[in-house]
Amino acid sequence: MSQPDHTPANPYIPPEQSLIEYPCAFPIKVMGAHQETFVDAVVAIVREHDPAFDASTIQRRPSSSGNYLGLTITVTATSRTQLDNIYRGLTAHPLVKYVL
């Protein structure tokens, strides 16, 4: 029987090895239920970590069936920790289906 792999999904990367230079504009794609409360929830989560986030910059793409809405949000990324916290907040919300 093989041993379970306990390697973290997102291992620690020292700042000097990061491929991202902070601060930067960082796009995040979020898909969820096609309703305004979904958009409001995404904006609220993002603003917790990027208070200057401008909701008017959100790009929206409804699914062909109209049941889902894809959003592209561009945050001002200041650190890996900040991005991780945004991803955690988004993926924990019940209206969010996917975050890329």
N, C-alpha and C. Protein backbone atom coordinates (compact mmCIF):
# COMPACT_ATOMS: atom_id res chain seq x y z
N MET A 1 0.85 -1.18 0.00
CA MET A 1 0.00 0.00 0.00
C MET A 1 0.89 1.24 0.00
N SER A 2 0.61 2.19 -0.85
CA SER A 2 1.45 3.39 -0.94
C SER A 2 1.09 4.38 0.15
N GLN A 3 2.06 5.20 0.50
CA GLN A 3 1.89 6.23 1.51
C GLN A 3 1.18 7.42 0.89
N PRO A 4 0.30 8.10 1.66
CA PRO A 4 -0.37 9.30 1.12
C PRO A 4 0.64 10.41 0.91
N ASP A 5 0.38 11.21 -0.09
CA ASP A 5 1.24 12.36 -0.40
C ASP A 5 0.78 13.54 0.43
N HIS A 6 1.64 14.04 1.32
CA HIS A 6 1.28 15.16 2.18
C HIS A 6 1.88 16.47 1.70
N THR A 7 2.27 16.52 0.44
CA THR A 7 2.80 17.75 -0.12
C THR A 7 1.66 18.76 -0.26
N PRO A 8 1.84 19.99 0.26
CA PRO A 8 0.76 20.97 0.12
C PRO A 8 0.48 21.30 -1.34
N ALA A 9 -0.78 21.60 -1.63
CA ALA A 9 -1.18 21.94 -3.00
C ALA A 9 -0.47 23.20 -3.46
N ASN A 10 -0.30 24.16 -2.56
CA ASN A 10 0.40 25.41 -2.87
C ASN A 10 1.57 25.57 -1.92
N PRO A 11 2.69 24.91 -2.22
CA PRO A 11 3.82 24.99 -1.29
C PRO A 11 4.36 26.41 -1.19
N TYR A 12 5.02 26.68 -0.08
CA TYR A 12 5.61 28.00 0.13
C TYR A 12 6.66 28.27 -0.94
N ILE A 13 6.58 29.45 -1.54
CA ILE A 13 7.56 29.89 -2.53
C ILE A 13 8.20 31.15 -1.99
N PRO A 14 9.51 31.12 -1.73
CA PRO A 14 10.17 32.33 -1.23
C PRO A 14 9.98 33.49 -2.21
N PRO A 15 9.82 34.73 -1.70
CA PRO A 15 9.58 35.88 -2.57
C PRO A 15 10.58 36.02 -3.71
N GLU A 16 11.83 35.68 -3.45
CA GLU A 16 12.84 35.83 -4.51
C GLU A 16 12.68 34.81 -5.63
N GLN A 17 11.87 33.76 -5.42
CA GLN A 17 11.62 32.75 -6.45
C GLN A 17 10.26 32.94 -7.14
N SER A 18 9.50 33.91 -6.71
CA SER A 18 8.18 34.14 -7.29
C SER A 18 8.31 34.64 -8.72
N LEU A 19 7.39 34.21 -9.57
CA LEU A 19 7.36 34.68 -10.95
C LEU A 19 6.56 35.97 -11.08
N ILE A 20 5.91 36.37 -9.99
CA ILE A 20 5.09 37.58 -9.99
C ILE A 20 5.85 38.69 -9.29
N GLU A 21 5.88 39.86 -9.93
CA GLU A 21 6.49 41.03 -9.30
C GLU A 21 5.37 41.88 -8.72
N TYR A 22 5.44 42.12 -7.42
CA TYR A 22 4.40 42.88 -6.73
C TYR A 22 4.84 44.33 -6.57
N PRO A 23 3.91 45.27 -6.59
CA PRO A 23 2.48 45.11 -6.90
C PRO A 23 2.28 44.97 -8.40
N CYS A 24 1.15 44.36 -8.77
CA CYS A 24 0.82 44.20 -10.19
C CYS A 24 -0.68 44.02 -10.34
N ALA A 25 -1.16 44.24 -11.56
CA ALA A 25 -2.55 43.95 -11.90
C ALA A 25 -2.65 42.45 -12.14
N PHE A 26 -3.54 41.78 -11.42
CA PHE A 26 -3.63 40.32 -11.48
C PHE A 26 -5.07 39.90 -11.77
N PRO A 27 -5.33 39.33 -12.95
CA PRO A 27 -6.70 38.91 -13.29
C PRO A 27 -7.06 37.58 -12.62
N ILE A 28 -8.28 37.49 -12.15
CA ILE A 28 -8.82 36.27 -11.56
C ILE A 28 -10.16 36.00 -12.22
N LYS A 29 -10.35 34.75 -12.65
CA LYS A 29 -11.62 34.37 -13.27
C LYS A 29 -12.46 33.63 -12.23
N VAL A 30 -13.72 34.04 -12.13
CA VAL A 30 -14.64 33.46 -11.15
C VAL A 30 -15.93 33.10 -11.87
N MET A 31 -16.41 31.87 -11.65
CA MET A 31 -17.68 31.46 -12.25
C MET A 31 -18.65 31.10 -11.14
N GLY A 32 -19.89 31.54 -11.30
CA GLY A 32 -20.90 31.24 -10.29
C GLY A 32 -22.30 31.42 -10.83
N ALA A 33 -23.25 31.39 -9.91
CA ALA A 33 -24.66 31.53 -10.26
C ALA A 33 -24.91 32.87 -10.93
N HIS A 34 -25.74 32.86 -11.97
CA HIS A 34 -26.04 34.10 -12.71
C HIS A 34 -27.10 34.89 -11.96
N GLN A 35 -26.66 35.59 -10.93
CA GLN A 35 -27.54 36.45 -10.17
C GLN A 35 -26.71 37.58 -9.58
N GLU A 36 -27.35 38.70 -9.35
CA GLU A 36 -26.62 39.89 -8.89
C GLU A 36 -25.96 39.68 -7.53
N THR A 37 -26.55 38.84 -6.68
CA THR A 37 -25.94 38.60 -5.37
C THR A 37 -24.58 37.93 -5.51
N PHE A 38 -24.38 37.16 -6.59
CA PHE A 38 -23.07 36.55 -6.86
C PHE A 38 -22.04 37.64 -7.10
N VAL A 39 -22.36 38.59 -7.96
CA VAL A 39 -21.44 39.68 -8.27
C VAL A 39 -21.15 40.50 -7.01
N ASP A 40 -22.20 40.81 -6.25
CA ASP A 40 -22.02 41.58 -5.01
C ASP A 40 -21.11 40.85 -4.03
N ALA A 41 -21.28 39.53 -3.92
CA ALA A 41 -20.46 38.74 -3.00
C ALA A 41 -18.99 38.75 -3.43
N VAL A 42 -18.75 38.60 -4.73
CA VAL A 42 -17.38 38.61 -5.25
C VAL A 42 -16.73 39.97 -4.95
N VAL A 43 -17.45 41.04 -5.22
CA VAL A 43 -16.91 42.38 -4.97
C VAL A 43 -16.59 42.56 -3.48
N ALA A 44 -17.48 42.12 -2.62
CA ALA A 44 -17.25 42.27 -1.17
C ALA A 44 -16.02 41.49 -0.72
N ILE A 45 -15.86 40.28 -1.21
CA ILE A 45 -14.69 39.46 -0.85
C ILE A 45 -13.41 40.11 -1.34
N VAL A 46 -13.41 40.55 -2.58
CA VAL A 46 -12.20 41.16 -3.15
C VAL A 46 -11.84 42.44 -2.41
N ARG A 47 -12.83 43.24 -2.09
CA ARG A 47 -12.55 44.52 -1.39
C ARG A 47 -12.01 44.32 0.02
N GLU A 48 -12.26 43.16 0.62
CA GLU A 48 -11.67 42.87 1.93
C GLU A 48 -10.14 42.87 1.83
N HIS A 49 -9.64 42.45 0.67
CA HIS A 49 -8.20 42.27 0.48
C HIS A 49 -7.57 43.31 -0.45
N ASP A 50 -8.40 44.00 -1.21
CA ASP A 50 -7.95 45.07 -2.10
C ASP A 50 -9.00 46.18 -2.02
N PRO A 51 -8.91 47.02 -0.96
CA PRO A 51 -9.93 48.04 -0.72
C PRO A 51 -10.15 49.01 -1.89
N ALA A 52 -9.16 49.18 -2.74
CA ALA A 52 -9.29 50.11 -3.86
C ALA A 52 -9.87 49.44 -5.11
N PHE A 53 -10.28 48.17 -5.01
CA PHE A 53 -10.82 47.46 -6.18
C PHE A 53 -11.99 48.22 -6.78
N ASP A 54 -11.96 48.40 -8.10
CA ASP A 54 -12.99 49.14 -8.83
C ASP A 54 -13.93 48.13 -9.51
N ALA A 55 -15.13 47.98 -8.97
CA ALA A 55 -16.09 47.01 -9.49
C ALA A 55 -16.51 47.30 -10.93
N SER A 56 -16.34 48.54 -11.39
CA SER A 56 -16.73 48.86 -12.76
C SER A 56 -15.79 48.21 -13.79
N THR A 57 -14.67 47.66 -13.34
CA THR A 57 -13.73 47.01 -14.26
C THR A 57 -14.03 45.53 -14.47
N ILE A 58 -15.04 45.00 -13.79
CA ILE A 58 -15.38 43.58 -13.92
C ILE A 58 -15.87 43.29 -15.33
N GLN A 59 -15.32 42.24 -15.91
CA GLN A 59 -15.80 41.76 -17.22
C GLN A 59 -16.75 40.60 -16.95
N ARG A 60 -17.94 40.63 -17.57
CA ARG A 60 -18.96 39.61 -17.35
C ARG A 60 -19.21 38.81 -18.62
N ARG A 61 -19.35 37.49 -18.46
CA ARG A 61 -19.69 36.62 -19.59
C ARG A 61 -20.71 35.58 -19.11
N PRO A 62 -21.96 35.71 -19.54
CA PRO A 62 -22.95 34.70 -19.15
C PRO A 62 -22.71 33.39 -19.92
N SER A 63 -23.08 32.27 -19.30
CA SER A 63 -22.97 30.98 -19.99
C SER A 63 -24.02 30.92 -21.08
N SER A 64 -23.87 29.98 -22.00
CA SER A 64 -24.82 29.87 -23.12
C SER A 64 -26.23 29.56 -22.62
N SER A 65 -26.34 28.83 -21.51
CA SER A 65 -27.67 28.51 -20.97
C SER A 65 -28.22 29.65 -20.11
N GLY A 66 -27.34 30.57 -19.72
CA GLY A 66 -27.77 31.69 -18.89
C GLY A 66 -27.82 31.38 -17.40
N ASN A 67 -27.45 30.15 -17.02
CA ASN A 67 -27.51 29.76 -15.61
C ASN A 67 -26.29 30.23 -14.81
N TYR A 68 -25.18 30.44 -15.50
CA TYR A 68 -23.94 30.82 -14.82
C TYR A 68 -23.40 32.11 -15.40
N LEU A 69 -22.57 32.76 -14.59
CA LEU A 69 -21.94 34.00 -15.01
C LEU A 69 -20.45 33.89 -14.74
N GLY A 70 -19.66 34.16 -15.77
CA GLY A 70 -18.21 34.20 -15.61
C GLY A 70 -17.77 35.63 -15.43
N LEU A 71 -16.93 35.86 -14.43
CA LEU A 71 -16.40 37.19 -14.16
C LEU A 71 -14.90 37.17 -14.29
N THR A 72 -14.35 38.22 -14.84
CA THR A 72 -12.90 38.44 -14.76
C THR A 72 -12.72 39.68 -13.92
N ILE A 73 -12.06 39.49 -12.78
CA ILE A 73 -11.79 40.60 -11.89
C ILE A 73 -10.28 40.82 -11.90
N THR A 74 -9.86 42.05 -11.91
CA THR A 74 -8.43 42.35 -11.89
C THR A 74 -8.13 43.11 -10.62
N VAL A 75 -7.35 42.46 -9.75
CA VAL A 75 -7.00 43.05 -8.47
C VAL A 75 -5.59 43.63 -8.55
N THR A 76 -5.29 44.53 -7.63
CA THR A 76 -3.93 45.01 -7.48
C THR A 76 -3.27 44.08 -6.46
N ALA A 77 -2.50 43.14 -6.96
CA ALA A 77 -1.86 42.14 -6.10
C ALA A 77 -0.64 42.76 -5.43
N THR A 78 -0.59 42.62 -4.12
CA THR A 78 0.54 43.17 -3.36
C THR A 78 1.40 42.08 -2.75
N SER A 79 0.89 40.83 -2.68
CA SER A 79 1.68 39.73 -2.12
C SER A 79 1.01 38.40 -2.44
N ARG A 80 1.76 37.33 -2.28
CA ARG A 80 1.22 35.98 -2.45
C ARG A 80 0.16 35.71 -1.39
N THR A 81 0.41 36.19 -0.18
CA THR A 81 -0.55 35.99 0.91
C THR A 81 -1.89 36.64 0.57
N GLN A 82 -1.84 37.85 0.04
CA GLN A 82 -3.07 38.54 -0.33
C GLN A 82 -3.84 37.74 -1.39
N LEU A 83 -3.14 37.27 -2.43
CA LEU A 83 -3.80 36.48 -3.48
C LEU A 83 -4.38 35.19 -2.92
N ASP A 84 -3.63 34.51 -2.05
CA ASP A 84 -4.13 33.28 -1.43
C ASP A 84 -5.40 33.56 -0.64
N ASN A 85 -5.43 34.66 0.09
CA ASN A 85 -6.61 35.01 0.88
C ASN A 85 -7.81 35.32 0.00
N ILE A 86 -7.58 35.98 -1.13
CA ILE A 86 -8.68 36.25 -2.07
C ILE A 86 -9.22 34.93 -2.62
N TYR A 87 -8.32 34.04 -3.04
CA TYR A 87 -8.76 32.74 -3.58
C TYR A 87 -9.53 31.95 -2.52
N ARG A 88 -9.04 31.94 -1.29
CA ARG A 88 -9.73 31.21 -0.21
C ARG A 88 -11.12 31.79 0.02
N GLY A 89 -11.22 33.11 0.07
CA GLY A 89 -12.51 33.75 0.30
C GLY A 89 -13.49 33.46 -0.81
N LEU A 90 -13.02 33.50 -2.04
CA LEU A 90 -13.90 33.24 -3.18
C LEU A 90 -14.36 31.78 -3.23
N THR A 91 -13.42 30.86 -3.07
CA THR A 91 -13.79 29.44 -3.18
C THR A 91 -14.68 28.98 -2.02
N ALA A 92 -14.66 29.70 -0.91
CA ALA A 92 -15.49 29.32 0.24
C ALA A 92 -16.93 29.81 0.10
N HIS A 93 -17.19 30.72 -0.83
CA HIS A 93 -18.55 31.27 -0.95
C HIS A 93 -19.46 30.28 -1.68
N PRO A 94 -20.67 30.07 -1.18
CA PRO A 94 -21.57 29.07 -1.78
C PRO A 94 -22.04 29.37 -3.20
N LEU A 95 -22.04 30.63 -3.63
CA LEU A 95 -22.47 30.95 -5.00
C LEU A 95 -21.35 30.77 -6.02
N VAL A 96 -20.12 30.63 -5.56
CA VAL A 96 -18.96 30.50 -6.45
C VAL A 96 -18.75 29.03 -6.80
N LYS A 97 -18.66 28.74 -8.10
CA LYS A 97 -18.44 27.36 -8.56
C LYS A 97 -16.97 27.09 -8.84
N TYR A 98 -16.28 28.04 -9.50
CA TYR A 98 -14.88 27.87 -9.88
C TYR A 98 -14.13 29.17 -9.74
N VAL A 99 -12.85 29.07 -9.41
CA VAL A 99 -11.96 30.23 -9.39
C VAL A 99 -10.67 29.81 -10.08
N LEU A 100 -10.27 30.60 -11.07
CA LEU A 100 -9.03 30.31 -11.81
C LEU A 100 -8.11 31.52 -11.74
